[in-house]
């Protein structure tokens, strides 16, 4: 097991936000997501933002077709995809809650 694999197992949820450069919706999604995640322990919820023009192979492997797309992976390799600007924070909160992750506040 590599160090990266060990570190990845420590998180309860891994979120990957796929964005397009210059996209107004991608900027809005990132801002909305960062606002929601400010209420969570960064040791428990990991966020990675990927530019689809720079990570096209990873986007394809993650079955991302549209941007912005949020990929949520839980501890049991359960995965959910959310497409759009993430204007409704309850979507992310509820997905994290389903994975057993509660806000730290």
N, C-alpha and C. Protein backbone atom coordinates (compact mmCIF):
# COMPACT_ATOMS: atom_id res chain seq x y z
N UNK A 1 0.85 -1.18 0.00
CA UNK A 1 0.00 0.00 0.00
C UNK A 1 0.89 1.25 0.00
N UNK A 2 0.57 2.17 -0.90
CA UNK A 2 1.37 3.38 -1.01
C UNK A 2 0.95 4.39 0.05
N UNK A 3 1.78 5.41 0.25
CA UNK A 3 1.46 6.47 1.21
C UNK A 3 0.19 7.21 0.79
N UNK A 4 0.02 7.41 -0.52
CA UNK A 4 -1.18 8.10 -1.02
C UNK A 4 -2.43 7.28 -0.72
N UNK A 5 -2.34 5.95 -0.88
CA UNK A 5 -3.49 5.10 -0.58
C UNK A 5 -3.81 5.13 0.91
N UNK A 6 -2.79 5.14 1.74
CA UNK A 6 -3.01 5.21 3.19
C UNK A 6 -3.67 6.53 3.57
N UNK A 7 -3.19 7.62 2.99
CA UNK A 7 -3.77 8.93 3.28
C UNK A 7 -5.21 9.01 2.80
N UNK A 8 -5.50 8.44 1.63
CA UNK A 8 -6.86 8.48 1.09
C UNK A 8 -7.83 7.73 1.99
N UNK A 9 -7.37 6.69 2.67
CA UNK A 9 -8.25 5.92 3.54
C UNK A 9 -8.62 6.68 4.80
N UNK A 10 -7.88 7.70 5.16
CA UNK A 10 -8.17 8.48 6.36
C UNK A 10 -9.38 9.39 6.18
N UNK A 11 -9.72 9.76 4.95
CA UNK A 11 -10.86 10.64 4.71
C UNK A 11 -12.14 9.84 4.71
N UNK A 12 -13.19 10.46 5.16
CA UNK A 12 -14.50 9.84 5.10
C UNK A 12 -15.16 10.10 3.76
N UNK A 13 -14.82 11.23 3.14
CA UNK A 13 -15.40 11.58 1.85
C UNK A 13 -14.37 12.29 1.00
N UNK A 14 -14.35 11.93 -0.27
CA UNK A 14 -13.48 12.59 -1.23
C UNK A 14 -14.37 13.24 -2.28
N UNK A 15 -14.21 14.54 -2.46
CA UNK A 15 -14.98 15.27 -3.45
C UNK A 15 -14.06 15.77 -4.54
N UNK A 16 -14.47 15.55 -5.78
CA UNK A 16 -13.71 16.03 -6.92
C UNK A 16 -14.65 16.89 -7.75
N UNK A 17 -14.29 18.15 -7.92
CA UNK A 17 -15.10 19.06 -8.72
C UNK A 17 -14.41 19.26 -10.05
N UNK A 18 -15.07 18.83 -11.12
CA UNK A 18 -14.55 19.04 -12.47
C UNK A 18 -15.11 20.35 -13.00
N UNK A 19 -14.22 21.21 -13.47
CA UNK A 19 -14.60 22.53 -13.96
C UNK A 19 -14.02 22.78 -15.34
N UNK A 20 -14.58 23.79 -16.00
CA UNK A 20 -14.07 24.27 -17.28
C UNK A 20 -13.53 25.67 -17.08
N UNK A 21 -12.37 25.97 -17.65
CA UNK A 21 -11.82 27.32 -17.49
C UNK A 21 -12.74 28.36 -18.14
N UNK A 22 -12.91 29.45 -17.45
CA UNK A 22 -13.73 30.54 -17.99
C UNK A 22 -15.22 30.32 -17.89
N UNK A 23 -15.65 29.22 -17.29
CA UNK A 23 -17.07 28.94 -17.16
C UNK A 23 -17.64 29.62 -15.92
N UNK A 24 -18.64 30.44 -16.13
CA UNK A 24 -19.31 31.13 -15.03
C UNK A 24 -19.94 30.12 -14.06
N UNK A 25 -20.53 29.07 -14.60
CA UNK A 25 -21.14 28.05 -13.75
C UNK A 25 -20.10 27.29 -12.93
N UNK A 26 -18.94 27.05 -13.52
CA UNK A 26 -17.87 26.37 -12.78
C UNK A 26 -17.38 27.22 -11.62
N UNK A 27 -17.26 28.52 -11.84
CA UNK A 27 -16.84 29.44 -10.77
C UNK A 27 -17.88 29.44 -9.66
N UNK A 28 -19.15 29.49 -10.04
CA UNK A 28 -20.24 29.49 -9.06
C UNK A 28 -20.26 28.18 -8.26
N UNK A 29 -20.08 27.06 -8.95
CA UNK A 29 -20.07 25.76 -8.28
C UNK A 29 -18.93 25.67 -7.28
N UNK A 30 -17.76 26.12 -7.67
CA UNK A 30 -16.61 26.07 -6.77
C UNK A 30 -16.85 26.94 -5.53
N UNK A 31 -17.36 28.13 -5.75
CA UNK A 31 -17.65 29.04 -4.64
C UNK A 31 -18.70 28.43 -3.70
N UNK A 32 -19.76 27.88 -4.27
CA UNK A 32 -20.81 27.26 -3.46
C UNK A 32 -20.28 26.09 -2.66
N UNK A 33 -19.46 25.27 -3.30
CA UNK A 33 -18.90 24.10 -2.63
C UNK A 33 -17.96 24.50 -1.50
N UNK A 34 -17.11 25.48 -1.75
CA UNK A 34 -16.19 25.93 -0.71
C UNK A 34 -16.95 26.51 0.49
N UNK A 35 -18.07 27.18 0.23
CA UNK A 35 -18.90 27.70 1.32
C UNK A 35 -19.47 26.56 2.16
N UNK A 36 -20.01 25.54 1.50
CA UNK A 36 -20.56 24.39 2.22
C UNK A 36 -19.47 23.69 3.02
N UNK A 37 -18.33 23.46 2.40
CA UNK A 37 -17.26 22.69 3.05
C UNK A 37 -16.57 23.46 4.18
N UNK A 38 -16.79 24.76 4.26
CA UNK A 38 -16.20 25.52 5.37
C UNK A 38 -16.74 25.05 6.71
N UNK A 39 -17.87 24.38 6.70
CA UNK A 39 -18.46 23.85 7.92
C UNK A 39 -18.03 22.43 8.26
N UNK A 40 -17.09 21.89 7.48
CA UNK A 40 -16.62 20.51 7.69
C UNK A 40 -15.14 20.49 8.01
N UNK A 41 -14.75 19.47 8.74
CA UNK A 41 -13.34 19.27 9.08
C UNK A 41 -12.58 18.85 7.81
N UNK A 42 -11.55 19.61 7.40
CA UNK A 42 -10.79 19.25 6.19
C UNK A 42 -10.03 17.94 6.34
N UNK A 43 -9.90 17.44 7.56
CA UNK A 43 -9.26 16.13 7.77
C UNK A 43 -10.23 15.00 7.43
N UNK A 44 -11.51 15.32 7.34
CA UNK A 44 -12.54 14.32 7.08
C UNK A 44 -13.04 14.38 5.64
N UNK A 45 -13.15 15.59 5.10
CA UNK A 45 -13.65 15.79 3.74
C UNK A 45 -12.53 16.39 2.90
N UNK A 46 -12.16 15.68 1.86
CA UNK A 46 -11.09 16.14 0.97
C UNK A 46 -11.72 16.67 -0.32
N UNK A 47 -11.26 17.84 -0.76
CA UNK A 47 -11.74 18.43 -2.02
C UNK A 47 -10.58 18.59 -2.98
N UNK A 48 -10.81 18.16 -4.21
CA UNK A 48 -9.86 18.38 -5.29
C UNK A 48 -10.62 19.00 -6.45
N UNK A 49 -10.09 20.06 -7.01
CA UNK A 49 -10.70 20.71 -8.18
C UNK A 49 -9.85 20.36 -9.39
N UNK A 50 -10.51 19.83 -10.43
CA UNK A 50 -9.80 19.43 -11.64
C UNK A 50 -10.36 20.17 -12.85
N UNK A 51 -9.47 20.72 -13.62
CA UNK A 51 -9.79 21.39 -14.88
C UNK A 51 -9.88 20.30 -15.96
N UNK A 52 -11.04 20.17 -16.60
CA UNK A 52 -11.21 19.10 -17.58
C UNK A 52 -10.27 19.24 -18.77
N UNK A 53 -9.82 20.46 -19.05
CA UNK A 53 -8.89 20.62 -20.17
C UNK A 53 -7.50 20.13 -19.81
N UNK A 54 -7.20 20.06 -18.52
CA UNK A 54 -5.89 19.58 -18.06
C UNK A 54 -5.94 18.11 -17.64
N UNK A 55 -7.11 17.63 -17.23
CA UNK A 55 -7.27 16.27 -16.73
C UNK A 55 -8.33 15.51 -17.51
N UNK A 56 -8.26 15.57 -18.83
CA UNK A 56 -9.28 14.94 -19.67
C UNK A 56 -9.36 13.44 -19.46
N UNK A 57 -8.23 12.77 -19.29
CA UNK A 57 -8.24 11.32 -19.10
C UNK A 57 -8.89 10.95 -17.77
N UNK A 58 -8.60 11.71 -16.74
CA UNK A 58 -9.22 11.42 -15.44
C UNK A 58 -10.72 11.72 -15.49
N UNK A 59 -11.09 12.79 -16.19
CA UNK A 59 -12.51 13.11 -16.33
C UNK A 59 -13.23 11.98 -17.05
N UNK A 60 -12.61 11.46 -18.09
CA UNK A 60 -13.21 10.34 -18.82
C UNK A 60 -13.32 9.11 -17.93
N UNK A 61 -12.27 8.82 -17.18
CA UNK A 61 -12.29 7.66 -16.28
C UNK A 61 -13.37 7.81 -15.21
N UNK A 62 -13.64 9.05 -14.79
CA UNK A 62 -14.67 9.31 -13.79
C UNK A 62 -16.05 9.51 -14.42
N UNK A 63 -16.14 9.30 -15.73
CA UNK A 63 -17.39 9.39 -16.48
C UNK A 63 -18.03 10.78 -16.40
N UNK A 64 -17.18 11.80 -16.49
CA UNK A 64 -17.65 13.18 -16.46
C UNK A 64 -17.84 13.65 -17.89
N UNK A 65 -19.05 14.12 -18.19
CA UNK A 65 -19.38 14.58 -19.54
C UNK A 65 -19.63 16.08 -19.56
N UNK A 66 -20.22 16.60 -18.49
CA UNK A 66 -20.58 18.01 -18.41
C UNK A 66 -19.82 18.68 -17.27
N UNK A 67 -19.66 20.00 -17.38
CA UNK A 67 -19.08 20.75 -16.26
C UNK A 67 -20.03 21.89 -15.91
N UNK A 68 -20.05 22.25 -14.66
CA UNK A 68 -19.33 21.63 -13.56
C UNK A 68 -19.99 20.32 -13.12
N UNK A 69 -19.17 19.37 -12.72
CA UNK A 69 -19.64 18.10 -12.16
C UNK A 69 -18.90 17.84 -10.87
N UNK A 70 -19.65 17.52 -9.83
CA UNK A 70 -19.07 17.14 -8.55
C UNK A 70 -19.17 15.64 -8.41
N UNK A 71 -18.05 15.03 -8.14
CA UNK A 71 -17.97 13.59 -7.89
C UNK A 71 -17.76 13.40 -6.40
N UNK A 72 -18.62 12.63 -5.77
CA UNK A 72 -18.53 12.39 -4.33
C UNK A 72 -18.27 10.91 -4.12
N UNK A 73 -17.13 10.61 -3.50
CA UNK A 73 -16.79 9.22 -3.18
C UNK A 73 -16.82 9.04 -1.68
N UNK A 74 -17.48 7.98 -1.26
CA UNK A 74 -17.54 7.67 0.17
C UNK A 74 -16.52 6.60 0.53
N UNK A 75 -16.50 6.21 1.79
CA UNK A 75 -15.51 5.25 2.26
C UNK A 75 -15.69 3.86 1.67
N UNK A 76 -16.89 3.51 1.25
CA UNK A 76 -17.14 2.18 0.70
C UNK A 76 -17.11 2.19 -0.82
N UNK A 77 -16.37 3.16 -1.39
CA UNK A 77 -16.27 3.32 -2.84
C UNK A 77 -17.62 3.64 -3.49
N UNK A 78 -18.60 4.04 -2.71
CA UNK A 78 -19.86 4.50 -3.27
C UNK A 78 -19.59 5.85 -3.92
N UNK A 79 -20.19 6.06 -5.08
CA UNK A 79 -19.93 7.29 -5.82
C UNK A 79 -21.24 7.93 -6.24
N UNK A 80 -21.28 9.27 -6.18
CA UNK A 80 -22.42 10.04 -6.66
C UNK A 80 -21.89 11.16 -7.53
N UNK A 81 -22.66 11.53 -8.55
CA UNK A 81 -22.30 12.64 -9.43
C UNK A 81 -23.39 13.70 -9.31
N UNK A 82 -22.97 14.96 -9.22
CA UNK A 82 -23.91 16.08 -9.20
C UNK A 82 -23.46 17.04 -10.29
N UNK A 83 -24.35 17.32 -11.23
CA UNK A 83 -24.03 18.21 -12.34
C UNK A 83 -24.73 19.54 -12.10
N UNK A 84 -23.99 20.63 -12.26
CA UNK A 84 -24.59 21.95 -12.13
C UNK A 84 -23.81 22.86 -11.20
N UNK A 85 -24.39 24.02 -10.90
CA UNK A 85 -23.67 25.06 -10.17
C UNK A 85 -23.69 24.89 -8.65
N UNK A 86 -24.33 23.84 -8.14
CA UNK A 86 -24.37 23.53 -6.70
C UNK A 86 -24.99 24.67 -5.89
N UNK A 87 -25.94 25.37 -6.48
CA UNK A 87 -26.59 26.49 -5.81
C UNK A 87 -27.36 26.05 -4.57
N UNK A 88 -27.84 24.80 -4.56
CA UNK A 88 -28.56 24.28 -3.40
C UNK A 88 -27.58 23.53 -2.51
N UNK A 89 -27.16 24.12 -1.40
CA UNK A 89 -26.16 23.49 -0.54
C UNK A 89 -26.62 22.19 0.08
N UNK A 90 -27.94 22.01 0.20
CA UNK A 90 -28.46 20.79 0.81
C UNK A 90 -28.09 19.54 0.03
N UNK A 91 -27.86 19.67 -1.26
CA UNK A 91 -27.47 18.51 -2.06
C UNK A 91 -26.16 17.93 -1.54
N UNK A 92 -25.18 18.77 -1.36
CA UNK A 92 -23.87 18.31 -0.88
C UNK A 92 -23.96 17.85 0.56
N UNK A 93 -24.65 18.62 1.40
CA UNK A 93 -24.81 18.27 2.81
C UNK A 93 -25.46 16.89 2.94
N UNK A 94 -26.52 16.65 2.18
CA UNK A 94 -27.22 15.36 2.26
C UNK A 94 -26.37 14.21 1.74
N UNK A 95 -25.61 14.42 0.69
CA UNK A 95 -24.73 13.36 0.19
C UNK A 95 -23.66 13.02 1.23
N UNK A 96 -23.10 14.03 1.85
CA UNK A 96 -22.10 13.78 2.89
C UNK A 96 -22.73 13.07 4.09
N UNK A 97 -23.93 13.49 4.45
CA UNK A 97 -24.63 12.86 5.57
C UNK A 97 -24.92 11.39 5.27
N UNK A 98 -25.30 11.08 4.04
CA UNK A 98 -25.52 9.68 3.66
C UNK A 98 -24.25 8.85 3.83
N UNK A 99 -23.11 9.50 3.65
CA UNK A 99 -21.83 8.82 3.83
C UNK A 99 -21.34 8.83 5.26
N UNK A 100 -22.16 9.34 6.18
CA UNK A 100 -21.80 9.35 7.58
C UNK A 100 -20.96 10.54 8.01
N UNK A 101 -20.92 11.58 7.18
CA UNK A 101 -20.11 12.76 7.50
C UNK A 101 -21.04 13.90 7.90
N UNK A 102 -20.82 14.42 9.09
CA UNK A 102 -21.62 15.53 9.61
C UNK A 102 -20.77 16.79 9.68
N UNK A 103 -21.40 17.97 9.63
CA UNK A 103 -20.64 19.22 9.78
C UNK A 103 -19.91 19.24 11.12
N UNK A 104 -18.79 19.94 11.15
CA UNK A 104 -17.99 20.00 12.38
C UNK A 104 -18.45 21.08 13.33
N UNK A 105 -19.36 21.93 12.89
CA UNK A 105 -19.83 23.04 13.72
C UNK A 105 -20.82 22.56 14.75
